[in-house]
Amino acid sequence: MDEAIGTVVGKLREKNLLERTLVADYPGDQVLRQHLGVACGVAGDYANSIESFKQAIAIKPTPTAYLNLAVALKKAGDVSAAVESLRLYLADPRGETLASVKAAEAELKSLEASLKK
């Protein structure tokens, strides 16, 4: 099991390096920055994940980018920033499924409640 996890982490690092190279070659590509943010997040590198999602949003704000940013921020322990990102996601969830919107609403409610404690 540990070997399988090590293999997956190694592949994620390779993917992360490849995506970083592509981002350097195509700095205005919002989708590449989204992919890099996801890869960094899966590898547990939340600081770079957050930065990649913020860069993606600066290029072209999308509901998915705001949602991904909220996930990364929450995992990094920045609940108040995650709340703000979820609010931005919910302000214009065009193209998102009803299930995703409902899940985001529930997560927002939960995070807001945790901030009041």
Protein backbone atom coordinates (compact mmCIF):
# COMPACT_ATOMS: atom_id res chain seq x y z
CA MET A 1 0.00 0.00 0.00
CA ASP A 2 2.78 2.46 0.94
CA GLU A 3 4.55 1.67 -2.33
CA ALA A 4 1.38 2.43 -4.31
CA ILE A 5 0.96 5.73 -2.49
CA GLY A 6 4.62 6.57 -3.16
CA THR A 7 4.11 5.85 -6.86
CA VAL A 8 1.05 8.09 -7.02
CA VAL A 9 2.84 10.93 -5.20
CA GLY A 10 5.80 10.57 -7.57
CA LYS A 11 3.52 10.78 -10.58
CA LEU A 12 1.80 13.84 -9.10
CA ARG A 13 5.17 15.53 -8.65
CA GLU A 14 6.07 14.78 -12.28
CA LYS A 15 2.70 16.14 -13.41
CA ASN A 16 3.19 19.19 -11.23
CA LEU A 17 6.62 19.86 -12.78
CA LEU A 18 5.22 19.43 -16.29
CA GLU A 19 2.33 21.79 -15.57
CA ARG A 20 4.68 24.38 -14.03
CA THR A 21 6.75 24.25 -17.22
CA LEU A 22 3.64 24.67 -19.35
CA VAL A 23 2.42 27.56 -17.20
CA ALA A 24 5.78 29.26 -17.71
CA ASP A 25 5.43 28.75 -21.46
CA TYR A 26 1.76 29.84 -21.54
CA PRO A 27 1.37 32.41 -18.74
CA GLY A 28 -2.10 33.53 -19.84
CA ASP A 29 -3.65 30.06 -19.88
CA GLN A 30 -6.27 29.95 -17.14
CA VAL A 31 -6.96 26.23 -17.56
CA LEU A 32 -3.32 25.26 -17.01
CA ARG A 33 -3.26 27.27 -13.80
CA GLN A 34 -6.43 25.48 -12.66
CA HIS A 35 -4.82 22.09 -13.35
CA LEU A 36 -1.66 23.13 -11.53
CA GLY A 37 -3.76 24.24 -8.56
CA VAL A 38 -5.49 20.87 -8.43
CA ALA A 39 -2.19 18.96 -8.74
CA CYS A 40 -0.59 21.02 -5.98
CA GLY A 41 -3.63 20.53 -3.75
CA VAL A 42 -3.67 16.77 -4.23
CA ALA A 43 0.05 16.70 -3.38
CA GLY A 44 -0.70 18.66 -0.18
CA ASP A 45 1.07 21.82 -1.38
CA TYR A 46 -1.77 24.17 -0.45
CA ALA A 47 0.25 27.39 -0.68
CA ASN A 48 1.04 26.78 -4.36
CA SER A 49 -2.44 25.43 -4.96
CA ILE A 50 -3.98 28.65 -3.60
CA GLU A 51 -1.57 30.79 -5.60
CA SER A 52 -2.37 28.90 -8.82
CA PHE A 53 -6.12 29.30 -8.33
CA LYS A 54 -5.71 33.01 -7.58
CA GLN A 55 -3.70 33.40 -10.79
CA ALA A 56 -6.37 31.49 -12.73
CA ILE A 57 -9.02 33.83 -11.32
CA ALA A 58 -6.94 36.88 -12.25
CA ILE A 59 -6.80 35.61 -15.83
CA LYS A 60 -10.47 34.61 -16.06
CA PRO A 61 -12.74 34.31 -13.02
CA THR A 62 -14.89 31.19 -13.24
CA PRO A 63 -17.18 29.49 -10.74
CA THR A 64 -14.96 26.40 -10.79
CA ALA A 65 -11.86 28.45 -9.96
CA TYR A 66 -13.60 30.04 -6.97
CA LEU A 67 -14.83 26.66 -5.76
CA ASN A 68 -11.38 25.08 -6.13
CA LEU A 69 -9.83 28.04 -4.32
CA ALA A 70 -12.32 27.62 -1.47
CA VAL A 71 -11.36 23.96 -1.10
CA ALA A 72 -7.64 24.76 -1.04
CA LEU A 73 -8.12 27.61 1.44
CA LYS A 74 -10.14 25.40 3.77
CA LYS A 75 -7.51 22.65 3.63
CA ALA A 76 -4.84 25.26 4.38
CA GLY A 77 -6.85 26.33 7.44
CA ASP A 78 -7.96 29.74 6.16
CA VAL A 79 -11.68 29.30 6.79
CA SER A 80 -12.63 32.98 6.50
CA ALA A 81 -11.00 33.23 3.06
CA ALA A 82 -12.68 29.95 2.06
CA VAL A 83 -16.03 31.48 3.05
CA GLU A 84 -15.36 34.51 0.86
CA SER A 85 -14.39 32.32 -2.10
CA LEU A 86 -17.56 30.23 -1.68
CA ARG A 87 -19.61 33.42 -1.63
CA LEU A 88 -18.00 34.48 -4.91
CA TYR A 89 -18.73 31.03 -6.35
CA LEU A 90 -22.38 31.24 -5.32
CA ALA A 91 -22.73 34.82 -6.62
CA ASP A 92 -22.52 33.51 -10.19
CA PRO A 93 -22.60 29.71 -10.44
CA ARG A 94 -23.40 29.78 -14.16
CA GLY A 95 -22.73 26.41 -15.76
CA GLU A 96 -22.46 24.56 -12.44
CA THR A 97 -24.74 21.66 -11.58
CA LEU A 98 -27.54 22.13 -9.08
CA ALA A 99 -25.89 19.47 -6.92
CA SER A 100 -22.61 21.43 -6.84
CA VAL A 101 -24.42 24.64 -5.95
CA LYS A 102 -26.39 22.94 -3.16
CA ALA A 103 -23.21 21.32 -1.81
CA ALA A 104 -21.45 24.71 -1.85
CA GLU A 105 -24.38 26.32 -0.03
CA ALA A 106 -24.25 23.64 2.65
CA GLU A 107 -20.47 23.98 2.98
CA LEU A 108 -20.77 27.76 3.25
CA LYS A 109 -23.35 27.42 6.02
CA SER A 110 -21.10 24.96 7.87
CA LEU A 111 -17.99 27.14 7.55
CA GLU A 112 -19.86 30.27 8.62
CA ALA A 113 -21.15 28.43 11.69
CA SER A 114 -17.62 27.29 12.54
CA LEU A 115 -16.41 30.90 12.44
CA LYS A 116 -19.06 31.94 14.97
CA LYS A 117 -17.83 29.48 17.58
